[in-house]
Amino acid sequence: MNGGFDVSGMGRLLILVGGVLLAAGVVVVLLGQLPFFGRLPGDIAVERERFSLFVPLVSMLIVSAVLTILINVILRLFR
């Protein structure tokens, strides 16, 4: 007995987390190909001699809204 710890459940969780990370990586690569992504008004880019900072606020808000709508549509289809 393994003390009540469900090893197969942990394996499924790791597979799920890996799938989510893989999907996130694909999305990041595809978004990097879009000409406007990261260059929208409201995205913060600061470059100095030995320092650079990039915070894509508006781009991430758009991605969040699209993903929220997409996930809601998918969940409604499976109900």
PDB file of N, CA and C in Angstrom:
ATOM      1  N   MET A   1       0.841  -1.175   0.000  1.00  0.00           N
ATOM      2  CA  MET A   1       0.000   0.000   0.000  1.00  0.00           C
ATOM      3  C   MET A   1       0.885   1.237   0.000  1.00  0.00           C
ATOM      4  N   ASN A   2       0.447   2.276  -0.649  1.00  0.00           N
ATOM      5  CA  ASN A   2       1.276   3.474  -0.785  1.00  0.00           C
ATOM      6  C   ASN A   2       0.812   4.618   0.119  1.00  0.00           C
ATOM      7  N   GLY A   3       0.145   4.320   1.178  1.00  0.00           N
ATOM      8  CA  GLY A   3      -0.234   5.341   2.149  1.00  0.00           C
ATOM      9  C   GLY A   3      -1.391   6.217   1.689  1.00  0.00           C
ATOM     10  N   GLY A   4      -2.211   5.745   0.758  1.00  0.00           N
ATOM     11  CA  GLY A   4      -3.357   6.525   0.311  1.00  0.00           C
ATOM     12  C   GLY A   4      -3.048   7.483  -0.817  1.00  0.00           C
ATOM     13  N   PHE A   5      -1.821   7.488  -1.302  1.00  0.00           N
ATOM     14  CA  PHE A   5      -1.439   8.394  -2.381  1.00  0.00           C
ATOM     15  C   PHE A   5      -1.740   7.735  -3.716  1.00  0.00           C
ATOM     16  N   ASP A   6      -2.553   8.379  -4.536  1.00  0.00           N
ATOM     17  CA  ASP A   6      -2.967   7.831  -5.822  1.00  0.00           C
ATOM     18  C   ASP A   6      -1.936   8.197  -6.892  1.00  0.00           C
ATOM     19  N   VAL A   7      -1.078   7.239  -7.231  1.00  0.00           N
ATOM     20  CA  VAL A   7      -0.005   7.476  -8.189  1.00  0.00           C
ATOM     21  C   VAL A   7      -0.562   7.665  -9.597  1.00  0.00           C
ATOM     22  N   SER A   8      -1.593   6.921  -9.976  1.00  0.00           N
ATOM     23  CA  SER A   8      -2.142   7.068 -11.315  1.00  0.00           C
ATOM     24  C   SER A   8      -2.800   8.441 -11.488  1.00  0.00           C
ATOM     25  N   GLY A   9      -3.387   8.952 -10.430  1.00  0.00           N
ATOM     26  CA  GLY A   9      -3.958  10.299 -10.485  1.00  0.00           C
ATOM     27  C   GLY A   9      -2.880  11.352 -10.671  1.00  0.00           C
ATOM     28  N   MET A  10      -1.751  11.146 -10.021  1.00  0.00           N
ATOM     29  CA  MET A  10      -0.622  12.069 -10.169  1.00  0.00           C
ATOM     30  C   MET A  10      -0.083  12.014 -11.600  1.00  0.00           C
ATOM     31  N   GLY A  11      -0.035  10.827 -12.168  1.00  0.00           N
ATOM     32  CA  GLY A  11       0.421  10.684 -13.546  1.00  0.00           C
ATOM     33  C   GLY A  11      -0.498  11.410 -14.514  1.00  0.00           C
ATOM     34  N   ARG A  12      -1.796  11.284 -14.307  1.00  0.00           N
ATOM     35  CA  ARG A  12      -2.766  11.986 -15.159  1.00  0.00           C
ATOM     36  C   ARG A  12      -2.611  13.495 -15.022  1.00  0.00           C
ATOM     37  N   LEU A  13      -2.390  13.956 -13.802  1.00  0.00           N
ATOM     38  CA  LEU A  13      -2.197  15.386 -13.575  1.00  0.00           C
ATOM     39  C   LEU A  13      -0.952  15.884 -14.306  1.00  0.00           C
ATOM     40  N   LEU A  14       0.131  15.123 -14.240  1.00  0.00           N
ATOM     41  CA  LEU A  14       1.357  15.518 -14.940  1.00  0.00           C
ATOM     42  C   LEU A  14       1.164  15.549 -16.455  1.00  0.00           C
ATOM     43  N   ILE A  15       0.422  14.594 -16.985  1.00  0.00           N
ATOM     44  CA  ILE A  15       0.127  14.587 -18.421  1.00  0.00           C
ATOM     45  C   ILE A  15      -0.704  15.813 -18.785  1.00  0.00           C
ATOM     46  N   LEU A  16      -1.697  16.148 -17.965  1.00  0.00           N
ATOM     47  CA  LEU A  16      -2.526  17.321 -18.210  1.00  0.00           C
ATOM     48  C   LEU A  16      -1.695  18.601 -18.175  1.00  0.00           C
ATOM     49  N   VAL A  17      -0.846  18.731 -17.161  1.00  0.00           N
ATOM     50  CA  VAL A  17      -0.001  19.918 -17.044  1.00  0.00           C
ATOM     51  C   VAL A  17       0.947  20.011 -18.236  1.00  0.00           C
ATOM     52  N   GLY A  18       1.503  18.879 -18.656  1.00  0.00           N
ATOM     53  CA  GLY A  18       2.374  18.867 -19.827  1.00  0.00           C
ATOM     54  C   GLY A  18       1.639  19.283 -21.088  1.00  0.00           C
ATOM     55  N   GLY A  19       0.403  18.814 -21.244  1.00  0.00           N
ATOM     56  CA  GLY A  19      -0.401  19.200 -22.405  1.00  0.00           C
ATOM     57  C   GLY A  19      -0.713  20.686 -22.411  1.00  0.00           C
ATOM     58  N   VAL A  20      -1.022  21.225 -21.241  1.00  0.00           N
ATOM     59  CA  VAL A  20      -1.302  22.657 -21.137  1.00  0.00           C
ATOM     60  C   VAL A  20      -0.051  23.468 -21.464  1.00  0.00           C
ATOM     61  N   LEU A  21       1.101  23.036 -20.965  1.00  0.00           N
ATOM     62  CA  LEU A  21       2.349  23.736 -21.277  1.00  0.00           C
ATOM     63  C   LEU A  21       2.686  23.652 -22.764  1.00  0.00           C
ATOM     64  N   LEU A  22       2.447  22.503 -23.374  1.00  0.00           N
ATOM     65  CA  LEU A  22       2.676  22.346 -24.803  1.00  0.00           C
ATOM     66  C   LEU A  22       1.771  23.277 -25.596  1.00  0.00           C
ATOM     67  N   ALA A  23       0.494  23.320 -25.245  1.00  0.00           N
ATOM     68  CA  ALA A  23      -0.448  24.209 -25.934  1.00  0.00           C
ATOM     69  C   ALA A  23      -0.053  25.673 -25.746  1.00  0.00           C
ATOM     70  N   ALA A  24       0.372  26.037 -24.547  1.00  0.00           N
ATOM     71  CA  ALA A  24       0.805  27.416 -24.297  1.00  0.00           C
ATOM     72  C   ALA A  24       2.029  27.763 -25.133  1.00  0.00           C
ATOM     73  N   GLY A  25       2.948  26.823 -25.269  1.00  0.00           N
ATOM     74  CA  GLY A  25       4.121  27.055 -26.098  1.00  0.00           C
ATOM     75  C   GLY A  25       3.765  27.263 -27.558  1.00  0.00           C
ATOM     76  N   VAL A  26       2.835  26.467 -28.058  1.00  0.00           N
ATOM     77  CA  VAL A  26       2.393  26.616 -29.449  1.00  0.00           C
ATOM     78  C   VAL A  26       1.732  27.976 -29.648  1.00  0.00           C
ATOM     79  N   VAL A  27       0.904  28.380 -28.697  1.00  0.00           N
ATOM     80  CA  VAL A  27       0.239  29.683 -28.789  1.00  0.00           C
ATOM     81  C   VAL A  27       1.263  30.809 -28.797  1.00  0.00           C
ATOM     82  N   VAL A  28       2.270  30.729 -27.945  1.00  0.00           N
ATOM     83  CA  VAL A  28       3.294  31.771 -27.888  1.00  0.00           C
ATOM     84  C   VAL A  28       4.052  31.853 -29.205  1.00  0.00           C
ATOM     85  N   VAL A  29       4.393  30.708 -29.776  1.00  0.00           N
ATOM     86  CA  VAL A  29       5.107  30.702 -31.057  1.00  0.00           C
ATOM     87  C   VAL A  29       4.229  31.307 -32.147  1.00  0.00           C
ATOM     88  N   LEU A  30       2.957  30.932 -32.191  1.00  0.00           N
ATOM     89  CA  LEU A  30       2.063  31.463 -33.214  1.00  0.00           C
ATOM     90  C   LEU A  30       1.792  32.953 -33.024  1.00  0.00           C
ATOM     91  N   LEU A  31       1.648  33.396 -31.796  1.00  0.00           N
ATOM     92  CA  LEU A  31       1.421  34.818 -31.549  1.00  0.00           C
ATOM     93  C   LEU A  31       2.647  35.650 -31.917  1.00  0.00           C
ATOM     94  N   GLY A  32       3.821  35.065 -31.789  1.00  0.00           N
ATOM     95  CA  GLY A  32       5.038  35.769 -32.180  1.00  0.00           C
ATOM     96  C   GLY A  32       5.105  36.026 -33.676  1.00  0.00           C
ATOM     97  N   GLN A  33       4.348  35.270 -34.459  1.00  0.00           N
ATOM     98  CA  GLN A  33       4.323  35.438 -35.907  1.00  0.00           C
ATOM     99  C   GLN A  33       3.374  36.550 -36.347  1.00  0.00           C
ATOM    100  N   LEU A  34       2.451  36.949 -35.470  1.00  0.00           N
ATOM    101  CA  LEU A  34       1.514  38.003 -35.818  1.00  0.00           C
ATOM    102  C   LEU A  34       2.236  39.355 -35.827  1.00  0.00           C
ATOM    103  N   PRO A  35       2.020  40.169 -36.861  1.00  0.00           N
ATOM    104  CA  PRO A  35       2.770  41.429 -36.958  1.00  0.00           C
ATOM    105  C   PRO A  35       2.387  42.465 -35.915  1.00  0.00           C
ATOM    106  N   PHE A  36       1.160  42.421 -35.395  1.00  0.00           N
ATOM    107  CA  PHE A  36       0.710  43.443 -34.448  1.00  0.00           C
ATOM    108  C   PHE A  36       0.870  43.030 -33.000  1.00  0.00           C
ATOM    109  N   PHE A  37       1.055  41.746 -32.722  1.00  0.00           N
ATOM    110  CA  PHE A  37       1.106  41.275 -31.343  1.00  0.00           C
ATOM    111  C   PHE A  37       2.343  41.832 -30.640  1.00  0.00           C
ATOM    112  N   GLY A  38       2.136  42.489 -29.523  1.00  0.00           N
ATOM    113  CA  GLY A  38       3.235  43.077 -28.768  1.00  0.00           C
ATOM    114  C   GLY A  38       3.553  44.492 -29.183  1.00  0.00           C
ATOM    115  N   ARG A  39       2.847  45.006 -30.171  1.00  0.00           N
ATOM    116  CA  ARG A  39       3.091  46.369 -30.624  1.00  0.00           C
ATOM    117  C   ARG A  39       1.811  47.207 -30.585  1.00  0.00           C
ATOM    118  N   LEU A  40       0.878  46.799 -29.782  1.00  0.00           N
ATOM    119  CA  LEU A  40      -0.386  47.518 -29.660  1.00  0.00           C
ATOM    120  C   LEU A  40      -0.220  48.713 -28.726  1.00  0.00           C
ATOM    121  N   PRO A  41      -1.051  49.742 -28.899  1.00  0.00           N
ATOM    122  CA  PRO A  41      -1.011  50.851 -27.941  1.00  0.00           C
ATOM    123  C   PRO A  41      -1.351  50.325 -26.540  1.00  0.00           C
ATOM    124  N   GLY A  42      -0.556  50.660 -25.588  1.00  0.00           N
ATOM    125  CA  GLY A  42      -0.759  50.173 -24.229  1.00  0.00           C
ATOM    126  C   GLY A  42       0.237  49.097 -23.838  1.00  0.00           C
ATOM    127  N   ASP A  43       0.937  48.519 -24.814  1.00  0.00           N
ATOM    128  CA  ASP A  43       2.032  47.590 -24.513  1.00  0.00           C
ATOM    129  C   ASP A  43       3.255  48.418 -24.127  1.00  0.00           C
ATOM    130  N   ILE A  44       3.884  48.054 -23.040  1.00  0.00           N
ATOM    131  CA  ILE A  44       4.987  48.844 -22.508  1.00  0.00           C
ATOM    132  C   ILE A  44       6.315  48.233 -22.945  1.00  0.00           C
ATOM    133  N   ALA A  45       7.149  49.066 -23.557  1.00  0.00           N
ATOM    134  CA  ALA A  45       8.492  48.633 -23.963  1.00  0.00           C
ATOM    135  C   ALA A  45       9.476  49.720 -23.540  1.00  0.00           C
ATOM    136  N   VAL A  46      10.439  49.351 -22.691  1.00  0.00           N
ATOM    137  CA  VAL A  46      11.460  50.278 -22.222  1.00  0.00           C
ATOM    138  C   VAL A  46      12.811  49.677 -22.572  1.00  0.00           C
ATOM    139  N   GLU A  47      13.630  50.428 -23.277  1.00  0.00           N
ATOM    140  CA  GLU A  47      14.968  49.947 -23.629  1.00  0.00           C
ATOM    141  C   GLU A  47      15.994  50.981 -23.188  1.00  0.00           C
ATOM    142  N   ARG A  48      16.945  50.513 -22.443  1.00  0.00           N
ATOM    143  CA  ARG A  48      18.059  51.346 -21.999  1.00  0.00           C
ATOM    144  C   ARG A  48      19.350  50.681 -22.465  1.00  0.00           C
ATOM    145  N   GLU A  49      20.463  51.263 -22.109  1.00  0.00           N
ATOM    146  CA  GLU A  49      21.751  50.738 -22.569  1.00  0.00           C
ATOM    147  C   GLU A  49      21.985  49.292 -22.135  1.00  0.00           C
ATOM    148  N   ARG A  50      21.730  48.988 -20.877  1.00  0.00           N
ATOM    149  CA  ARG A  50      21.983  47.638 -20.362  1.00  0.00           C
ATOM    150  C   ARG A  50      20.729  46.993 -19.783  1.00  0.00           C
ATOM    151  N   PHE A  51      19.566  47.469 -20.211  1.00  0.00           N
ATOM    152  CA  PHE A  51      18.321  47.004 -19.623  1.00  0.00           C
ATOM    153  C   PHE A  51      17.196  47.117 -20.647  1.00  0.00           C
ATOM    154  N   SER A  52      16.367  46.112 -20.694  1.00  0.00           N
ATOM    155  CA  SER A  52      15.165  46.196 -21.521  1.00  0.00           C
ATOM    156  C   SER A  52      14.006  45.550 -20.775  1.00  0.00           C
ATOM    157  N   LEU A  53      12.840  46.143 -20.925  1.00  0.00           N
ATOM    158  CA  LEU A  53      11.637  45.662 -20.258  1.00  0.00           C
ATOM    159  C   LEU A  53      10.510  45.697 -21.271  1.00  0.00           C
ATOM    160  N   PHE A  54       9.769  44.585 -21.368  1.00  0.00           N
ATOM    161  CA  PHE A  54       8.634  44.511 -22.269  1.00  0.00           C
ATOM    162  C   PHE A  54       7.465  43.919 -21.507  1.00  0.00           C
ATOM    163  N   VAL A  55       6.369  44.668 -21.416  1.00  0.00           N
ATOM    164  CA  VAL A  55       5.163  44.217 -20.731  1.00  0.00           C
ATOM    165  C   VAL A  55       3.983  44.404 -21.692  1.00  0.00           C
ATOM    166  N   PRO A  56       3.529  43.325 -22.330  1.00  0.00           N
ATOM    167  CA  PRO A  56       2.449  43.444 -23.315  1.00  0.00           C
ATOM    168  C   PRO A  56       1.059  43.453 -22.662  1.00  0.00           C
ATOM    169  N   LEU A  57       0.720  44.532 -21.987  1.00  0.00           N
ATOM    170  CA  LEU A  57      -0.538  44.597 -21.237  1.00  0.00           C
ATOM    171  C   LEU A  57      -1.763  44.426 -22.133  1.00  0.00           C
ATOM    172  N   VAL A  58      -1.884  45.239 -23.158  1.00  0.00           N
ATOM    173  CA  VAL A  58      -3.067  45.198 -24.020  1.00  0.00           C
ATOM    174  C   VAL A  58      -3.120  43.885 -24.796  1.00  0.00           C
ATOM    175  N   SER A  59      -1.975  43.422 -25.267  1.00  0.00           N
ATOM    176  CA  SER A  59      -1.943  42.153 -26.004  1.00  0.00           C
ATOM    177  C   SER A  59      -2.433  41.003 -25.129  1.00  0.00           C
ATOM    178  N   MET A  60      -2.021  40.979 -23.870  1.00  0.00           N
ATOM    179  CA  MET A  60      -2.443  39.909 -22.974  1.00  0.00           C
ATOM    180  C   MET A  60      -3.919  40.042 -22.591  1.00  0.00           C
ATOM    181  N   LEU A  61      -4.430  41.261 -22.514  1.00  0.00           N
ATOM    182  CA  LEU A  61      -5.862  41.435 -22.260  1.00  0.00           C
ATOM    183  C   LEU A  61      -6.684  40.874 -23.418  1.00  0.00           C
ATOM    184  N   ILE A  62      -6.216  41.096 -24.637  1.00  0.00           N
ATOM    185  CA  ILE A  62      -6.913  40.566 -25.807  1.00  0.00           C
ATOM    186  C   ILE A  62      -6.852  39.046 -25.817  1.00  0.00           C
ATOM    187  N   VAL A  63      -5.682  38.486 -25.545  1.00  0.00           N
ATOM    188  CA  VAL A  63      -5.539  37.030 -25.496  1.00  0.00           C
ATOM    189  C   VAL A  63      -6.438  36.452 -24.410  1.00  0.00           C
ATOM    190  N   SER A  64      -6.496  37.095 -23.255  1.00  0.00           N
ATOM    191  CA  SER A  64      -7.339  36.626 -22.163  1.00  0.00           C
ATOM    192  C   SER A  64      -8.813  36.638 -22.554  1.00  0.00           C
ATOM    193  N   ALA A  65      -9.253  37.705 -23.195  1.00  0.00           N
ATOM    194  CA  ALA A  65     -10.659  37.796 -23.610  1.00  0.00           C
ATOM    195  C   ALA A  65     -10.994  36.718 -24.640  1.00  0.00           C
ATOM    196  N   VAL A  66     -10.115  36.519 -25.612  1.00  0.00           N
ATOM    197  CA  VAL A  66     -10.358  35.502 -26.645  1.00  0.00           C
ATOM    198  C   VAL A  66     -10.399  34.107 -26.027  1.00  0.00           C
ATOM    199  N   LEU A  67      -9.457  33.799 -25.133  1.00  0.00           N
ATOM    200  CA  LEU A  67      -9.440  32.487 -24.495  1.00  0.00           C
ATOM    201  C   LEU A  67     -10.665  32.278 -23.606  1.00  0.00           C
ATOM    202  N   THR A  68     -11.104  33.313 -22.919  1.00  0.00           N
ATOM    203  CA  THR A  68     -12.300  33.198 -22.081  1.00  0.00           C
ATOM    204  C   THR A  68     -13.524  32.869 -22.925  1.00  0.00           C
ATOM    205  N   ILE A  69     -13.676  33.571 -24.036  1.00  0.00           N
ATOM    206  CA  ILE A  69     -14.802  33.307 -24.929  1.00  0.00           C
ATOM    207  C   ILE A  69     -14.703  31.898 -25.503  1.00  0.00           C
ATOM    208  N   LEU A  70     -13.521  31.512 -25.949  1.00  0.00           N
ATOM    209  CA  LEU A  70     -13.319  30.188 -26.543  1.00  0.00           C
ATOM    210  C   LEU A  70     -13.614  29.072 -25.546  1.00  0.00           C
ATOM    211  N   ILE A  71     -13.122  29.202 -24.330  1.00  0.00           N
ATOM    212  CA  ILE A  71     -13.345  28.176 -23.308  1.00  0.00           C
ATOM    213  C   ILE A  71     -14.831  28.103 -22.940  1.00  0.00           C
ATOM    214  N   ASN A  72     -15.497  29.250 -22.840  1.00  0.00           N
ATOM    215  CA  ASN A  72     -16.933  29.242 -22.539  1.00  0.00           C
ATOM    216  C   ASN A  72     -17.737  28.570 -23.641  1.00  0.00           C
ATOM    217  N   VAL A  73     -17.389  28.823 -24.893  1.00  0.00           N
ATOM    218  CA  VAL A  73     -18.089  28.188 -26.014  1.00  0.00           C
ATOM    219  C   VAL A  73     -17.879  26.678 -25.981  1.00  0.00           C
ATOM    220  N   ILE A  74     -16.630  26.251 -25.746  1.00  0.00           N
ATOM    221  CA  ILE A  74     -16.332  24.816 -25.696  1.00  0.00           C
ATOM    222  C   ILE A  74     -17.078  24.147 -24.546  1.00  0.00           C
ATOM    223  N   LEU A  75     -17.098  24.764 -23.381  1.00  0.00           N
ATOM    224  CA  LEU A  75     -17.785  24.181 -22.232  1.00  0.00           C
ATOM    225  C   LEU A  75     -19.292  24.116 -22.467  1.00  0.00           C
ATOM    226  N   ARG A  76     -19.860  25.078 -23.146  1.00  0.00           N
ATOM    227  CA  ARG A  76     -21.302  25.042 -23.433  1.00  0.00           C
ATOM    228  C   ARG A  76     -21.626  23.957 -24.442  1.00  0.00           C
ATOM    229  N   LEU A  77     -20.718  23.677 -25.361  1.00  0.00           N
ATOM    230  CA  LEU A  77     -20.950  22.612 -26.345  1.00  0.00           C
ATOM    231  C   LEU A  77     -20.955  21.231 -25.694  1.00  0.00           C
ATOM    232  N   PHE A  78     -20.186  21.051 -24.635  1.00  0.00           N
ATOM    233  CA  PHE A  78     -20.082  19.740 -23.976  1.00  0.00           C
ATOM    234  C   PHE A  78     -21.079  19.541 -22.851  1.00  0.00           C
ATOM    235  N   ARG A  79     -21.958  20.499 -22.612  1.00  0.00           N
ATOM    236  CA  ARG A  79     -22.974  20.345 -21.553  1.00  0.00           C
ATOM    237  C   ARG A  79     -24.195  19.687 -22.088  1.00  0.00           C
TER     238      ARG A  79
END
